[in-house]
Amino acid sequence: MPRMDPHRVVSLLLVVAYLCGAVVEAGWSAALLMALPLSGLMGMLWHADVVADFTGSLGLTPIRRASPLGAVRGLLWALLLVPLVGWVASLVTGR
């Protein structure tokens, strides 16, 4: 059996935790609203090599060379961690 990528394991656990927390705090409708963007981010993180290698036209801006894989993964992780940072900040400030 091939070795599982740690980015995949941790991102899957984080997304499942987000969705379980959303069900507990705000109900199923909130979890369903969060599921699509979180699964999109997780999918891009799982296939970050494909995202980084993308070249071509994206709207009006042509992309002429591939992006560094580390930068793409870093940006995707930052976006995936935004809800966690917001939750921790709300605990710290008490709001």
C-alpha atoms as a PDB file:
ATOM      1  CA  MET A   1       0.000   0.000   0.000  1.00  0.00           C
ATOM      2  CA  PRO A   2       1.438   3.416  -0.928  1.00  0.00           C
ATOM      3  CA  ARG A   3       2.382   5.805   1.836  1.00  0.00           C
ATOM      4  CA  MET A   4      -0.234   8.490   2.513  1.00  0.00           C
ATOM      5  CA  ASP A   5       0.810  12.103   2.008  1.00  0.00           C
ATOM      6  CA  PRO A   6       0.782  13.938   5.384  1.00  0.00           C
ATOM      7  CA  HIS A   7      -0.817  16.983   3.727  1.00  0.00           C
ATOM      8  CA  ARG A   8      -3.771  14.808   2.771  1.00  0.00           C
ATOM      9  CA  VAL A   9      -4.193  13.206   6.191  1.00  0.00           C
ATOM     10  CA  VAL A  10      -3.962  16.444   8.195  1.00  0.00           C
ATOM     11  CA  SER A  11      -6.167  18.438   5.814  1.00  0.00           C
ATOM     12  CA  LEU A  12      -8.825  15.703   5.831  1.00  0.00           C
ATOM     13  CA  LEU A  13      -8.844  15.592   9.637  1.00  0.00           C
ATOM     14  CA  LEU A  14      -9.023  19.388   9.819  1.00  0.00           C
ATOM     15  CA  VAL A  15     -11.935  19.612   7.365  1.00  0.00           C
ATOM     16  CA  VAL A  16     -13.826  16.856   9.195  1.00  0.00           C
ATOM     17  CA  ALA A  17     -13.255  18.711  12.489  1.00  0.00           C
ATOM     18  CA  TYR A  18     -14.512  21.970  10.928  1.00  0.00           C
ATOM     19  CA  LEU A  19     -17.657  20.297   9.643  1.00  0.00           C
ATOM     20  CA  CYS A  20     -18.352  18.497  12.936  1.00  0.00           C
ATOM     21  CA  GLY A  21     -17.867  21.775  14.795  1.00  0.00           C
ATOM     22  CA  ALA A  22     -20.220  23.534  12.404  1.00  0.00           C
ATOM     23  CA  VAL A  23     -22.907  20.898  12.974  1.00  0.00           C
ATOM     24  CA  VAL A  24     -22.568  21.226  16.745  1.00  0.00           C
ATOM     25  CA  GLU A  25     -22.450  25.038  16.822  1.00  0.00           C
ATOM     26  CA  ALA A  26     -24.764  26.077  13.998  1.00  0.00           C
ATOM     27  CA  GLY A  27     -26.519  22.997  12.597  1.00  0.00           C
ATOM     28  CA  TRP A  28     -26.472  21.015   9.386  1.00  0.00           C
ATOM     29  CA  SER A  29     -27.220  23.951   7.098  1.00  0.00           C
ATOM     30  CA  ALA A  30     -24.046  25.750   8.198  1.00  0.00           C
ATOM     31  CA  ALA A  31     -22.018  22.577   7.718  1.00  0.00           C
ATOM     32  CA  LEU A  32     -23.388  22.144   4.217  1.00  0.00           C
ATOM     33  CA  LEU A  33     -22.542  25.764   3.369  1.00  0.00           C
ATOM     34  CA  MET A  34     -18.985  25.214   4.599  1.00  0.00           C
ATOM     35  CA  ALA A  35     -18.540  21.861   2.883  1.00  0.00           C
ATOM     36  CA  LEU A  36     -18.120  23.121  -0.680  1.00  0.00           C
ATOM     37  CA  PRO A  37     -15.378  25.732  -0.133  1.00  0.00           C
ATOM     38  CA  LEU A  38     -13.548  23.490   2.339  1.00  0.00           C
ATOM     39  CA  SER A  39     -13.638  20.527  -0.008  1.00  0.00           C
ATOM     40  CA  GLY A  40     -12.392  22.748  -2.843  1.00  0.00           C
ATOM     41  CA  LEU A  41      -9.445  23.925  -0.759  1.00  0.00           C
ATOM     42  CA  MET A  42      -8.724  20.383   0.367  1.00  0.00           C
ATOM     43  CA  GLY A  43      -8.858  19.124  -3.214  1.00  0.00           C
ATOM     44  CA  MET A  44      -6.433  21.806  -4.375  1.00  0.00           C
ATOM     45  CA  LEU A  45      -4.119  20.961  -1.483  1.00  0.00           C
ATOM     46  CA  TRP A  46      -4.286  17.252  -2.308  1.00  0.00           C
ATOM     47  CA  HIS A  47      -3.352  18.045  -5.914  1.00  0.00           C
ATOM     48  CA  ALA A  48      -1.107  21.050  -5.285  1.00  0.00           C
ATOM     49  CA  ASP A  49       1.407  19.807  -7.854  1.00  0.00           C
ATOM     50  CA  VAL A  50      -1.232  20.107 -10.592  1.00  0.00           C
ATOM     51  CA  VAL A  51      -2.302  23.543  -9.349  1.00  0.00           C
ATOM     52  CA  ALA A  52       1.331  24.722  -9.245  1.00  0.00           C
ATOM     53  CA  ASP A  53       2.023  23.461 -12.778  1.00  0.00           C
ATOM     54  CA  PHE A  54      -0.946  25.323 -14.280  1.00  0.00           C
ATOM     55  CA  THR A  55      -0.065  27.655 -17.137  1.00  0.00           C
ATOM     56  CA  GLY A  56      -2.407  29.276 -19.580  1.00  0.00           C
ATOM     57  CA  SER A  57      -5.049  31.945 -19.561  1.00  0.00           C
ATOM     58  CA  LEU A  58      -6.942  32.757 -16.398  1.00  0.00           C
ATOM     59  CA  GLY A  59      -9.308  35.572 -17.241  1.00  0.00           C
ATOM     60  CA  LEU A  60      -7.335  38.518 -18.586  1.00  0.00           C
ATOM     61  CA  THR A  61      -4.042  37.473 -16.981  1.00  0.00           C
ATOM     62  CA  PRO A  62      -1.931  34.884 -18.791  1.00  0.00           C
ATOM     63  CA  ILE A  63       0.131  32.574 -16.591  1.00  0.00           C
ATOM     64  CA  ARG A  64       3.354  31.896 -18.449  1.00  0.00           C
ATOM     65  CA  ARG A  65       5.306  29.765 -15.982  1.00  0.00           C
ATOM     66  CA  ALA A  66       4.591  27.307 -13.215  1.00  0.00           C
ATOM     67  CA  SER A  67       4.366  28.414  -9.597  1.00  0.00           C
ATOM     68  CA  PRO A  68       6.626  27.052  -6.845  1.00  0.00           C
ATOM     69  CA  LEU A  69       4.974  24.067  -5.191  1.00  0.00           C
ATOM     70  CA  GLY A  70       5.912  25.261  -1.700  1.00  0.00           C
ATOM     71  CA  ALA A  71       4.318  28.657  -2.259  1.00  0.00           C
ATOM     72  CA  VAL A  72       1.097  27.073  -3.541  1.00  0.00           C
ATOM     73  CA  ARG A  73       0.919  24.666  -0.599  1.00  0.00           C
ATOM     74  CA  GLY A  74       1.685  27.491   1.845  1.00  0.00           C
ATOM     75  CA  LEU A  75      -1.095  29.669   0.464  1.00  0.00           C
ATOM     76  CA  LEU A  76      -3.587  26.807   0.482  1.00  0.00           C
ATOM     77  CA  TRP A  77      -2.678  25.892   4.074  1.00  0.00           C
ATOM     78  CA  ALA A  78      -3.075  29.531   5.107  1.00  0.00           C
ATOM     79  CA  LEU A  79      -6.552  29.624   3.565  1.00  0.00           C
ATOM     80  CA  LEU A  80      -7.471  26.309   5.172  1.00  0.00           C
ATOM     81  CA  LEU A  81      -6.347  27.529   8.604  1.00  0.00           C
ATOM     82  CA  VAL A  82      -8.300  30.821   8.536  1.00  0.00           C
ATOM     83  CA  PRO A  83     -11.391  29.363  10.310  1.00  0.00           C
ATOM     84  CA  LEU A  84      -9.177  27.843  13.019  1.00  0.00           C
ATOM     85  CA  VAL A  85      -7.414  31.158  13.604  1.00  0.00           C
ATOM     86  CA  GLY A  86     -10.775  32.939  13.814  1.00  0.00           C
ATOM     87  CA  TRP A  87     -12.089  30.395  16.307  1.00  0.00           C
ATOM     88  CA  VAL A  88      -8.982  30.688  18.512  1.00  0.00           C
ATOM     89  CA  ALA A  89      -9.171  34.488  18.352  1.00  0.00           C
ATOM     90  CA  SER A  90     -12.807  34.379  19.455  1.00  0.00           C
ATOM     91  CA  LEU A  91     -11.854  32.186  22.405  1.00  0.00           C
ATOM     92  CA  VAL A  92      -9.040  34.514  23.421  1.00  0.00           C
ATOM     93  CA  THR A  93     -11.066  37.714  23.143  1.00  0.00           C
ATOM     94  CA  GLY A  94     -14.246  36.196  24.544  1.00  0.00           C
ATOM     95  CA  ARG A  95     -16.447  37.397  21.677  1.00  0.00           C
END
